Amino acid sequence: MINWILFVLGTLLIILGLFVCFASVYGNFKFKYVVNRMHATAMQDTLGLLSILLGLMCYTGFGFHALKLLFVIIFFWISSPACSHLLVRMEITTNEKIDKEMEVIEK
């Protein structure tokens, strides 16, 4: 019975991760500004990969392979936001036309 529950939970997590990945690809093509594109890609890195790797942890059972997948999750959760932040910071500081490209929302 536990194996079926883990199988269903793993399947749902992988489907959720794939949905987030497809939404990220759609957002990457839909958005015009590079910072918005980076946000869509960063969400895929954090939420999409987390869901897929948690689903794989449910499939493999909770042993040594799940521990290795947990280390991969920790590495991605530390490195991905830092890399995304550095790329956006570089875009903002090096783009001379940043004011023209950004949308101004008036209150």
Protein backbone atom coordinates (compact mmCIF):
# COMPACT_ATOMS: atom_id res chain seq x y z
CA MET A 1 0.00 0.00 0.00
CA ILE A 2 2.84 2.40 0.83
CA ASN A 3 4.45 1.71 -2.54
CA TRP A 4 1.27 2.76 -4.36
CA ILE A 5 1.02 5.96 -2.35
CA LEU A 6 4.67 6.80 -3.10
CA PHE A 7 4.11 5.97 -6.77
CA VAL A 8 1.06 8.27 -7.03
CA LEU A 9 2.78 11.04 -5.06
CA GLY A 10 5.90 10.76 -7.21
CA THR A 11 3.82 10.84 -10.39
CA LEU A 12 1.92 13.93 -9.25
CA LEU A 13 5.14 15.72 -8.30
CA ILE A 14 6.74 14.95 -11.65
CA ILE A 15 3.62 16.14 -13.51
CA LEU A 16 3.65 19.35 -11.43
CA GLY A 17 7.34 19.85 -12.24
CA LEU A 18 6.72 19.33 -15.95
CA PHE A 19 3.84 21.84 -15.86
CA VAL A 20 6.11 24.42 -14.24
CA CYS A 21 8.82 23.74 -16.83
CA PHE A 22 6.37 24.18 -19.72
CA ALA A 23 5.00 27.38 -18.15
CA SER A 24 8.57 28.65 -17.85
CA VAL A 25 9.25 27.97 -21.52
CA TYR A 26 6.02 29.78 -22.44
CA GLY A 27 6.99 32.73 -20.23
CA ASN A 28 10.45 32.79 -21.74
CA PHE A 29 8.98 33.30 -25.21
CA LYS A 30 6.12 35.59 -24.13
CA PHE A 31 8.01 38.20 -22.11
CA LYS A 32 9.87 40.95 -23.94
CA TYR A 33 12.16 42.25 -21.23
CA VAL A 34 15.18 40.17 -20.24
CA VAL A 35 14.60 40.48 -16.50
CA ASN A 36 11.09 39.05 -16.84
CA ARG A 37 12.50 36.19 -18.88
CA MET A 38 15.09 35.55 -16.20
CA HIS A 39 12.34 35.40 -13.59
CA ALA A 40 10.45 32.77 -15.57
CA THR A 41 13.61 30.72 -16.00
CA ALA A 42 14.57 31.04 -12.34
CA MET A 43 11.15 29.77 -11.27
CA GLN A 44 11.70 26.72 -13.44
CA ASP A 45 15.07 26.11 -11.84
CA THR A 46 13.76 26.28 -8.31
CA LEU A 47 10.18 25.01 -8.37
CA GLY A 48 10.22 22.80 -11.45
CA LEU A 49 13.41 20.93 -10.62
CA LEU A 50 12.40 20.65 -6.96
CA SER A 51 9.12 18.96 -7.88
CA ILE A 52 10.74 16.60 -10.37
CA LEU A 53 13.54 15.59 -8.02
CA LEU A 54 11.11 15.08 -5.11
CA GLY A 55 9.05 12.86 -7.41
CA LEU A 56 12.18 10.87 -8.25
CA MET A 57 12.92 10.57 -4.54
CA CYS A 58 9.47 9.03 -4.08
CA TYR A 59 10.15 6.56 -6.90
CA THR A 60 13.54 5.42 -5.62
CA GLY A 61 12.48 5.08 -2.01
CA PHE A 62 14.19 6.68 0.92
CA GLY A 63 17.72 5.34 0.80
CA PHE A 64 21.14 6.37 -0.46
CA HIS A 65 19.81 7.46 -3.88
CA ALA A 66 17.27 9.73 -2.23
CA LEU A 67 20.05 11.26 -0.15
CA LYS A 68 22.03 12.02 -3.30
CA LEU A 69 18.93 13.59 -4.87
CA LEU A 70 18.48 15.67 -1.71
CA PHE A 71 22.04 16.98 -2.10
CA VAL A 72 21.25 17.89 -5.72
CA ILE A 73 18.15 19.78 -4.55
CA ILE A 74 20.18 21.65 -1.94
CA PHE A 75 22.84 22.54 -4.51
CA PHE A 76 20.24 23.85 -6.99
CA TRP A 77 18.42 25.83 -4.30
CA ILE A 78 21.66 27.53 -3.28
CA SER A 79 23.21 28.13 -6.69
CA SER A 80 20.24 28.93 -8.94
CA PRO A 81 18.89 32.03 -7.15
CA ALA A 82 22.42 33.39 -6.71
CA CYS A 83 23.22 32.93 -10.41
CA SER A 84 19.91 34.47 -11.48
CA HIS A 85 20.48 37.45 -9.22
CA LEU A 86 23.98 38.01 -10.60
CA LEU A 87 22.78 37.79 -14.21
CA VAL A 88 19.97 40.29 -13.61
CA ARG A 89 22.35 42.61 -11.74
CA MET A 90 24.75 42.47 -14.69
CA GLU A 91 21.92 43.26 -17.13
CA ILE A 92 20.80 46.25 -15.10
CA THR A 93 24.28 47.71 -14.70
CA THR A 94 25.48 47.16 -18.27
CA ASN A 95 22.32 47.97 -20.26
CA GLU A 96 22.36 51.62 -21.23
CA LYS A 97 18.76 51.55 -22.48
CA ILE A 98 17.30 50.11 -19.28
CA ASP A 99 14.93 53.04 -18.72
CA LYS A 100 13.45 52.71 -22.21
CA GLU A 101 12.99 48.95 -21.95
CA MET A 102 11.37 48.85 -18.52
CA GLU A 103 7.66 49.37 -18.22
CA VAL A 104 6.68 52.20 -15.92
CA ILE A 105 3.56 51.56 -13.86
CA GLU A 106 1.91 54.79 -12.82
CA LYS A 107 -0.22 54.90 -9.71
